[in-house]
Amino acid sequence: MFGLRLKCLTVAASSLCALPSFAEAQSSYVYCDNGLRCFKAPCPSSSALDLGTGTIVKGVSIDPSGLPQADKAITDLSDALYAGKIVVRGSIEQRTQTISGKEYTLPWLVATRIVRTAKDGERKHCSSH
């Protein structure tokens, strides 16, 4: 009986260790549509500036489904997100998508909350492409 419990605990502990740590991976981002238009997917028509590192993640999509209801209730949320008007807290994760019958692993910004209004200097990557 003790051996079975130990095995179960070992499996559970190793499973937890394999899960990504979202608290550690969270950063603040300014996400925007950069104006680039493509004829074939995937298209790098959006980008996100990681305010913690200064890195610009190109071709990233945004998943706002994790935002709190109060943040989702903002009337111009879509415009604010795509125009780089707000800073969101979240993490970048890789997701596999099938586009025109071919699988791609693409970056997604998983937004968990709206932090504040973006500053002009934080938005300049939106039109620099």
Protein backbone atom coordinates (compact mmCIF):
# COMPACT_ATOMS: atom_id res chain seq x y z
CA MET A 1 0.00 0.00 0.00
CA PHE A 2 2.81 2.42 0.91
CA GLY A 3 4.60 1.66 -2.40
CA LEU A 4 1.49 2.48 -4.40
CA ARG A 5 1.05 5.81 -2.58
CA LEU A 6 4.69 6.66 -3.17
CA LYS A 7 4.35 5.89 -6.88
CA CYS A 8 1.20 8.04 -7.12
CA LEU A 9 2.90 10.93 -5.33
CA THR A 10 5.96 10.62 -7.54
CA VAL A 11 3.83 10.70 -10.71
CA ALA A 12 1.82 13.68 -9.41
CA ALA A 13 4.95 15.61 -8.42
CA SER A 14 6.65 15.00 -11.75
CA SER A 15 3.48 16.07 -13.58
CA LEU A 16 3.41 19.33 -11.66
CA CYS A 17 7.04 19.98 -12.47
CA ALA A 18 6.32 19.52 -16.17
CA LEU A 19 3.62 22.20 -16.19
CA PRO A 20 4.70 25.69 -17.26
CA SER A 21 4.93 28.25 -14.50
CA PHE A 22 2.66 31.02 -15.65
CA ALA A 23 3.54 33.31 -12.74
CA GLU A 24 7.20 33.26 -13.73
CA ALA A 25 6.52 33.61 -17.46
CA GLN A 26 4.21 36.61 -17.10
CA SER A 27 5.36 39.97 -18.39
CA SER A 28 3.80 43.22 -19.60
CA TYR A 29 3.22 43.63 -23.33
CA VAL A 30 2.02 46.22 -25.84
CA TYR A 31 0.28 44.29 -28.62
CA CYS A 32 -0.67 45.81 -31.96
CA ASP A 33 -1.49 45.26 -35.58
CA ASN A 34 1.56 46.49 -37.49
CA GLY A 35 -0.24 47.16 -40.78
CA LEU A 36 1.47 44.38 -42.72
CA ARG A 37 -0.88 42.41 -44.96
CA CYS A 38 -0.14 39.02 -46.48
CA PHE A 39 -1.59 36.80 -49.16
CA LYS A 40 -0.53 33.54 -47.53
CA ALA A 41 -0.76 32.39 -43.91
CA PRO A 42 0.87 32.53 -41.47
CA CYS A 43 1.27 36.27 -41.60
CA PRO A 44 3.34 38.42 -39.23
CA SER A 45 0.70 41.17 -39.23
CA SER A 46 0.89 41.78 -35.50
CA SER A 47 3.58 42.14 -32.88
CA ALA A 48 3.99 42.47 -29.14
CA LEU A 49 6.63 44.47 -27.30
CA ASP A 50 7.79 42.78 -24.09
CA LEU A 51 8.27 45.74 -21.76
CA GLY A 52 10.47 43.69 -19.43
CA THR A 53 13.07 42.77 -22.03
CA GLY A 54 12.43 45.18 -24.90
CA THR A 55 12.00 42.22 -27.24
CA ILE A 56 9.49 42.51 -30.09
CA VAL A 57 7.67 39.26 -30.82
CA LYS A 58 6.60 39.33 -34.48
CA GLY A 59 3.70 37.35 -35.91
CA VAL A 60 2.07 36.87 -32.53
CA SER A 61 -1.70 36.52 -32.11
CA ILE A 62 -3.53 37.55 -28.96
CA ASP A 63 -5.87 35.47 -26.82
CA PRO A 64 -7.89 37.84 -24.61
CA SER A 65 -10.17 35.08 -23.25
CA GLY A 66 -8.26 35.02 -19.93
CA LEU A 67 -8.95 38.68 -19.17
CA PRO A 68 -11.16 39.39 -16.14
CA GLN A 69 -14.75 40.28 -16.99
CA ALA A 70 -14.20 43.92 -15.96
CA ASP A 71 -11.38 44.22 -18.52
CA LYS A 72 -13.47 42.52 -21.23
CA ALA A 73 -16.27 45.03 -20.57
CA ILE A 74 -14.21 47.94 -21.88
CA THR A 75 -16.24 49.14 -24.85
CA ASP A 76 -13.31 49.72 -27.20
CA LEU A 77 -11.23 46.74 -26.03
CA SER A 78 -10.66 45.44 -29.55
CA ASP A 79 -9.52 48.83 -30.83
CA ALA A 80 -7.35 49.37 -27.75
CA LEU A 81 -5.72 45.95 -28.12
CA TYR A 82 -5.00 46.08 -31.83
CA ALA A 83 -3.84 49.71 -31.86
CA GLY A 84 -1.30 49.27 -29.06
CA LYS A 85 -3.17 51.62 -26.76
CA ILE A 86 -2.97 49.43 -23.64
CA VAL A 87 -0.42 47.39 -21.73
CA VAL A 88 -1.55 43.85 -20.95
CA ARG A 89 -0.11 41.36 -18.50
CA GLY A 90 0.33 37.87 -19.86
CA SER A 91 2.67 35.31 -21.33
CA ILE A 92 3.78 34.11 -24.75
CA GLU A 93 3.04 30.50 -25.52
CA GLN A 94 3.54 28.43 -28.65
CA ARG A 95 0.38 26.89 -30.15
CA THR A 96 0.06 24.54 -33.08
CA GLN A 97 -2.40 25.58 -35.78
CA THR A 98 -3.33 24.05 -39.10
CA ILE A 99 -3.43 26.64 -41.88
CA SER A 100 -4.25 25.52 -45.42
CA GLY A 101 -3.57 21.91 -44.46
CA LYS A 102 -0.11 22.58 -43.00
CA GLU A 103 0.75 22.65 -39.29
CA TYR A 104 2.54 25.68 -37.86
CA THR A 105 3.73 26.39 -34.34
CA LEU A 106 2.99 30.06 -33.75
CA PRO A 107 3.37 32.46 -30.81
CA TRP A 108 0.28 33.57 -28.89
CA LEU A 109 0.10 36.29 -26.26
CA VAL A 110 -2.24 34.99 -23.57
CA ALA A 111 -3.51 38.14 -21.87
CA THR A 112 -4.53 37.87 -18.21
CA ARG A 113 -5.25 41.51 -17.32
CA ILE A 114 -5.04 45.08 -18.55
CA VAL A 115 -2.36 46.99 -16.68
CA ARG A 116 -2.58 50.58 -17.97
CA THR A 117 -2.60 52.85 -21.01
CA ALA A 118 0.49 52.45 -23.19
CA LYS A 119 2.93 55.35 -23.52
CA ASP A 120 3.79 56.80 -26.93
CA GLY A 121 7.30 55.31 -26.83
CA GLU A 122 5.87 51.86 -26.10
CA ARG A 123 3.66 52.05 -29.20
CA LYS A 124 6.31 53.01 -31.73
CA HIS A 125 6.90 49.37 -32.77
CA CYS A 126 3.32 49.32 -34.06
CA SER A 127 4.18 51.39 -37.12
CA SER A 128 7.87 50.59 -37.54
CA HIS A 129 7.39 47.62 -39.88
